[in-house]
């Protein structure tokens, strides 16, 4: 299998240094507080969606496209996937955006909510390192090496065939979909241990924050949607056990850190929520996914 660590053009198409996400930044900022501070009933004319920073760029673009049809949809990213699910469960919003599947714990925590997930696409989570480290010899990492790095047991890149450079880990906070994908790859069904007590370990929130930290810290490593590093040539999604996150490897699920992307409603989608989801599932709406480095349902064979 290939050990190529750079993304293929198919996973980079249209990303253009996250211009698509930047174009919707104003929408996210303008609606973050409004979308989550109070009950969704406060503005019956607006559909309020919140959650995953991975799904948010697609959700924001779709909301913008539907403005011309008179639909009022606000998009926020409070608390990532877990935050969106929690807000939907407590009736604060109309739709949760999630880059992780619903867990039994989610349903048990909110027994009065009929969580109905709709998959809109798929994404590959990468273990992201700097090009400098990759060029110096770190072309692929084994599961055990990833475990050692994130547990703080491997502290210098020279321990895994790289340069004499200290490792700095940027991990995702618990509840983030990206973190759950990484934990499943490394630990399977076992519970991940507590974070290491190290000055070279920090927890970050959304994808943009993670990207900025990885770019600004020499020797850093962190889990991040591969779509977010397109156009950032100083970062690399390293191969895992020799398998790179290429389009073919993600489609076939050979790449181990592939995840579905969801829009979740309380009950079957209806009204504005149904129009919104129907648009994202339509041929026009599905074109939004490759713009942000994600895979369409058709590409995933669904």
Protein backbone atom coordinates (compact mmCIF):
# COMPACT_ATOMS: atom_id res chain seq x y z
CA UNK A 1 0.00 0.00 0.00
CA UNK A 2 1.08 3.51 -0.58
CA UNK A 3 2.82 5.46 2.17
CA UNK A 4 2.20 8.79 0.56
CA UNK A 5 1.52 11.37 3.28
CA UNK A 6 0.25 14.25 1.19
CA UNK A 7 -3.41 14.67 0.32
CA UNK A 8 -4.64 13.78 -3.12
CA UNK A 9 -6.16 16.47 -5.31
CA UNK A 10 -9.58 14.88 -4.82
CA UNK A 11 -9.47 15.66 -1.11
CA UNK A 12 -8.18 19.17 -1.74
CA UNK A 13 -10.58 20.28 -4.49
CA UNK A 14 -12.02 23.71 -3.99
CA UNK A 15 -10.62 24.12 -0.49
CA UNK A 16 -8.41 27.07 -1.44
CA UNK A 17 -7.07 27.75 2.01
CA UNK A 18 -10.49 27.48 3.60
CA UNK A 19 -11.93 30.41 1.67
CA UNK A 20 -15.29 28.66 1.65
CA UNK A 21 -15.29 28.54 5.43
CA UNK A 22 -13.99 32.09 5.71
CA UNK A 23 -16.84 33.26 3.49
CA UNK A 24 -19.29 31.95 6.04
CA UNK A 25 -17.37 33.15 9.11
CA UNK A 26 -19.54 36.22 9.46
CA UNK A 27 -22.62 34.03 9.50
CA UNK A 28 -21.16 31.81 12.21
CA UNK A 29 -20.08 34.73 14.39
CA UNK A 30 -23.29 36.65 13.97
CA UNK A 31 -25.43 33.72 14.99
CA UNK A 32 -23.35 31.87 17.58
CA UNK A 33 -24.91 33.58 20.56
CA UNK A 34 -28.38 33.87 19.11
CA UNK A 35 -28.44 30.23 18.06
CA UNK A 36 -27.58 28.82 21.47
CA UNK A 37 -28.40 31.27 24.23
CA UNK A 38 -32.11 30.68 24.40
CA UNK A 39 -34.87 28.36 23.34
CA UNK A 40 -35.40 27.60 19.67
CA UNK A 41 -38.94 28.83 20.20
CA UNK A 42 -37.63 32.39 20.66
CA UNK A 43 -37.66 32.87 16.88
CA UNK A 44 -40.08 30.49 15.22
CA UNK A 45 -39.11 31.84 11.79
CA UNK A 46 -35.48 30.74 12.10
CA UNK A 47 -34.06 27.25 12.14
CA UNK A 48 -31.12 27.07 14.53
CA UNK A 49 -28.33 24.54 13.89
CA UNK A 50 -25.22 24.12 16.02
CA UNK A 51 -22.40 21.69 16.73
CA UNK A 52 -19.47 20.23 14.81
CA UNK A 53 -16.89 22.62 13.40
CA UNK A 54 -16.33 20.00 10.69
CA UNK A 55 -19.94 20.01 9.46
CA UNK A 56 -20.40 23.76 10.00
CA UNK A 57 -18.76 24.98 6.74
CA UNK A 58 -21.13 22.84 4.64
CA UNK A 59 -24.11 23.79 6.82
CA UNK A 60 -23.29 27.50 6.55
CA UNK A 61 -22.88 27.37 2.77
CA UNK A 62 -26.21 25.56 2.44
CA UNK A 63 -27.93 28.09 4.70
CA UNK A 64 -26.57 30.93 2.57
CA UNK A 65 -27.78 29.24 -0.62
CA UNK A 66 -31.28 28.83 0.81
CA UNK A 67 -31.62 32.50 1.71
CA UNK A 68 -32.84 33.16 -1.83
CA UNK A 69 -35.72 30.76 -1.15
CA UNK A 70 -36.75 32.72 1.90
CA UNK A 71 -35.41 30.26 4.49
CA UNK A 72 -33.88 31.72 7.65
CA UNK A 73 -31.24 29.35 9.02
CA UNK A 74 -28.57 30.22 11.57
CA UNK A 75 -25.42 28.14 12.11
CA UNK A 76 -23.19 28.08 15.20
CA UNK A 77 -20.40 25.87 16.55
CA UNK A 78 -20.96 25.81 20.29
CA UNK A 79 -19.23 22.85 21.94
CA UNK A 80 -18.60 20.79 18.83
CA UNK A 81 -20.55 17.60 18.12
CA UNK A 82 -21.27 16.85 21.78
CA UNK A 83 -22.41 20.42 22.34
CA UNK A 84 -24.79 20.29 19.39
CA UNK A 85 -26.30 16.99 20.53
CA UNK A 86 -26.71 18.35 24.05
CA UNK A 87 -28.38 21.55 22.82
CA UNK A 88 -30.77 19.56 20.64
CA UNK A 89 -31.56 17.24 23.53
CA UNK A 90 -32.38 20.19 25.78
CA UNK A 91 -34.55 21.82 23.06
CA UNK A 92 -32.27 24.86 22.64
CA UNK A 93 -31.81 24.34 18.91
CA UNK A 94 -33.63 22.63 16.04
CA UNK A 95 -30.71 20.72 14.53
CA UNK A 96 -27.42 19.29 15.74
CA UNK A 97 -24.39 19.13 13.45
CA UNK A 98 -22.26 16.10 14.29
CA UNK A 99 -19.10 14.44 13.04
CA UNK A 100 -19.64 11.47 15.33
CA UNK A 101 -22.43 8.90 15.48
CA UNK A 102 -25.00 9.16 18.26
CA UNK A 103 -24.13 7.07 21.30
CA UNK A 104 -26.49 5.17 23.58
CA UNK A 105 -25.45 7.62 26.30
CA UNK A 106 -26.80 10.51 24.24
CA UNK A 107 -30.23 8.90 23.94
CA UNK A 108 -30.30 7.94 27.62
CA UNK A 109 -29.36 11.48 28.67
CA UNK A 110 -32.30 12.96 26.75
CA UNK A 111 -35.11 10.37 26.77
CA UNK A 112 -37.66 12.97 25.63
CA UNK A 113 -35.75 13.67 22.42
CA UNK A 114 -36.21 11.47 19.36
CA UNK A 115 -32.78 11.84 17.79
CA UNK A 116 -32.95 11.19 14.04
CA UNK A 117 -29.54 11.41 12.30
CA UNK A 118 -29.22 11.98 8.56
CA UNK A 119 -25.82 11.30 7.02
CA UNK A 120 -24.80 14.01 4.55
CA UNK A 121 -21.27 12.89 3.67
CA UNK A 122 -17.99 11.58 5.09
CA UNK A 123 -14.63 12.84 6.22
CA UNK A 124 -11.14 11.54 6.94
CA UNK A 125 -9.47 12.49 10.22
CA UNK A 126 -5.73 12.82 9.90
CA UNK A 127 -2.88 12.65 12.36
CA UNK A 128 -1.32 15.93 11.31
CA UNK A 129 2.40 16.71 11.56
CA UNK A 130 4.65 19.32 10.00
CA UNK A 131 6.17 18.83 6.57
CA UNK A 132 9.57 19.36 8.19
CA UNK A 133 9.07 16.30 10.40
CA UNK A 134 7.64 14.25 7.53
CA UNK A 135 10.51 15.17 5.20
CA UNK A 136 13.00 14.20 7.90
CA UNK A 137 11.75 10.62 7.92
CA UNK A 138 8.30 10.30 9.52
CA UNK A 139 6.37 8.95 6.53
CA UNK A 140 4.02 6.67 8.47
CA UNK A 141 3.10 5.99 12.09
CA UNK A 142 1.90 2.73 13.60
CA UNK A 143 -1.05 2.58 15.97
CA UNK A 144 1.36 2.01 18.86
CA UNK A 145 3.45 5.02 17.86
CA UNK A 146 0.36 7.23 17.70
CA UNK A 147 -0.63 5.94 21.13
CA UNK A 148 2.84 6.68 22.50
CA UNK A 149 2.84 10.19 21.06
CA UNK A 150 -0.58 11.18 22.43
CA UNK A 151 0.10 9.58 25.82
CA UNK A 152 3.34 11.55 26.16
CA UNK A 153 5.58 8.47 26.14
CA UNK A 154 7.27 9.45 22.87
CA UNK A 155 8.65 12.93 23.47
CA UNK A 156 11.11 13.43 20.61
CA UNK A 157 10.55 12.83 16.89
CA UNK A 158 13.90 11.03 16.70
CA UNK A 159 12.24 8.14 18.58
CA UNK A 160 10.09 7.40 15.51
CA UNK A 161 12.68 8.03 12.80
CA UNK A 162 12.33 11.80 12.61
CA UNK A 163 14.50 14.81 13.48
CA UNK A 164 15.89 15.63 16.93
CA UNK A 165 12.89 17.80 17.80
CA UNK A 166 10.57 17.78 20.80
CA UNK A 167 7.00 16.59 20.25
CA UNK A 168 4.17 18.94 21.15
CA UNK A 169 0.70 17.38 21.23
CA UNK A 170 -2.48 19.35 20.49
CA UNK A 171 -5.34 17.05 21.40
CA UNK A 172 -9.07 17.63 21.01
CA UNK A 173 -11.28 18.14 24.03
CA UNK A 174 -13.56 15.25 25.08
CA UNK A 175 -16.84 15.10 23.17
CA UNK A 176 -15.37 16.34 19.91
CA UNK A 177 -16.04 14.00 16.99
CA UNK A 178 -12.40 14.19 15.91
CA UNK A 179 -11.21 13.04 19.33
CA UNK A 180 -13.61 10.08 19.31
CA UNK A 181 -12.33 8.92 15.91
CA UNK A 182 -8.74 9.05 17.16
CA UNK A 183 -9.61 7.22 20.38
CA UNK A 184 -11.43 4.48 18.47
CA UNK A 185 -8.43 3.96 16.21
CA UNK A 186 -5.96 3.80 19.09
CA UNK A 187 -7.99 2.17 21.87
CA UNK A 188 -10.88 0.39 20.14
CA UNK A 189 -13.68 -0.09 22.66
CA UNK A 190 -11.41 0.61 25.63
CA UNK A 191 -11.58 3.93 27.44
CA UNK A 192 -8.78 6.37 26.69
CA UNK A 193 -6.50 7.24 29.65
CA UNK A 194 -6.44 10.72 31.20
CA UNK A 195 -4.30 13.32 29.40
CA UNK A 196 -0.59 13.21 30.24
CA UNK A 197 0.77 15.73 32.72
CA UNK A 198 3.20 17.44 30.41
CA UNK A 199 4.17 20.96 29.40
CA UNK A 200 4.20 19.64 25.83
CA UNK A 201 0.51 18.74 25.77
CA UNK A 202 -2.50 21.03 25.31
CA UNK A 203 -6.19 20.58 24.56
CA UNK A 204 -7.75 22.61 21.75
CA UNK A 205 -11.31 23.09 20.55
CA UNK A 206 -12.44 23.56 16.95
CA UNK A 207 -10.70 22.75 13.68
CA UNK A 208 -9.55 26.29 12.94
CA UNK A 209 -7.93 26.65 16.35
CA UNK A 210 -6.21 23.28 15.92
CA UNK A 211 -4.94 24.27 12.47
CA UNK A 212 -3.47 27.54 13.77
CA UNK A 213 -1.73 25.82 16.69
CA UNK A 214 -0.24 23.12 14.47
CA UNK A 215 1.12 25.68 12.02
CA UNK A 216 2.65 27.88 14.71
CA UNK A 217 4.31 25.22 16.90
CA UNK A 218 7.47 23.38 15.74
CA UNK A 219 7.28 19.61 16.28
CA UNK A 220 3.54 19.63 16.84
CA UNK A 221 1.05 16.83 16.20
CA UNK A 222 -2.72 16.76 16.41
CA UNK A 223 -5.89 15.14 15.05
CA UNK A 224 -7.67 17.20 12.41
CA UNK A 225 -9.98 16.76 9.46
CA UNK A 226 -7.74 16.32 6.42
CA UNK A 227 -9.88 18.80 4.50
CA UNK A 228 -8.65 21.58 6.78
CA UNK A 229 -5.01 21.27 5.75
CA UNK A 230 -5.62 21.56 2.00
CA UNK A 231 -3.64 24.55 0.80
CA UNK A 232 -1.44 24.48 3.90
CA UNK A 233 1.69 22.96 2.44
CA UNK A 234 3.58 23.12 5.73
CA UNK A 235 1.33 20.40 7.20
CA UNK A 236 0.97 16.71 6.32
CA UNK A 237 -1.59 14.01 7.15
CA UNK A 238 0.79 11.16 7.95
CA UNK A 239 -0.02 7.62 6.82
CA UNK A 240 -1.29 5.26 9.53
CA UNK A 241 0.14 1.74 9.48
CA UNK A 242 1.25 2.52 5.92
CA UNK A 243 -2.17 3.65 4.71
CA UNK A 244 -2.49 7.28 3.59
CA UNK A 245 -5.83 9.18 3.63
CA UNK A 246 -6.17 9.16 -0.16
CA UNK A 247 -9.57 9.30 -1.81
CA UNK A 248 -9.48 5.60 -2.71
CA UNK A 249 -8.40 4.54 0.76
CA UNK A 250 -11.12 6.62 2.40
CA UNK A 251 -13.82 5.36 0.00
CA UNK A 252 -12.86 1.76 0.66
CA UNK A 253 -12.52 2.39 4.43
CA UNK A 254 -8.97 1.01 4.29
CA UNK A 255 -7.87 4.24 5.91
CA UNK A 256 -8.78 3.64 9.56
CA UNK A 257 -9.93 7.12 10.60
CA UNK A 258 -12.90 7.73 8.30
CA UNK A 259 -16.11 9.14 9.80
CA UNK A 260 -19.65 9.99 8.69
CA UNK A 261 -21.04 13.54 8.91
CA UNK A 262 -24.57 14.10 10.21
CA UNK A 263 -27.41 16.54 10.57
CA UNK A 264 -29.58 15.44 13.51
CA UNK A 265 -33.16 16.44 14.23
CA UNK A 266 -35.67 15.78 17.00
CA UNK A 267 -38.03 13.44 15.13
CA UNK A 268 -38.17 13.07 11.37
CA UNK A 269 -37.18 16.27 9.56
CA UNK A 270 -40.11 18.50 8.65
CA UNK A 271 -40.74 22.05 7.56
CA UNK A 272 -37.61 24.15 7.20
CA UNK A 273 -35.43 21.35 8.60
CA UNK A 274 -36.61 18.99 5.86
CA UNK A 275 -36.05 21.60 3.15
CA UNK A 276 -32.58 22.24 4.54
CA UNK A 277 -31.57 18.57 4.68
CA UNK A 278 -33.17 17.82 1.31
CA UNK A 279 -31.07 20.59 -0.22
CA UNK A 280 -27.84 19.24 1.29
CA UNK A 281 -28.70 15.76 -0.03
CA UNK A 282 -29.54 17.07 -3.50
CA UNK A 283 -26.93 17.04 -6.32
CA UNK A 284 -26.46 20.79 -5.87
CA UNK A 285 -26.03 20.51 -2.11
CA UNK A 286 -23.66 17.56 -2.32
CA UNK A 287 -21.29 19.72 -4.37
CA UNK A 288 -20.62 21.67 -1.18
CA UNK A 289 -18.82 18.72 0.45
CA UNK A 290 -15.81 18.45 -1.93
CA UNK A 291 -15.40 22.23 -1.59
CA UNK A 292 -14.37 21.62 2.00
CA UNK A 293 -12.36 18.45 1.43
CA UNK A 294 -15.14 15.99 2.34
CA UNK A 295 -16.63 13.07 0.44
CA UNK A 296 -20.15 12.95 -0.97
CA UNK A 297 -22.56 10.12 -0.28
CA UNK A 298 -22.11 8.96 -3.88
CA UNK A 299 -18.35 8.83 -3.47
CA UNK A 300 -18.88 6.66 -0.38
CA UNK A 301 -21.14 4.34 -2.37
CA UNK A 302 -24.31 5.36 -0.54
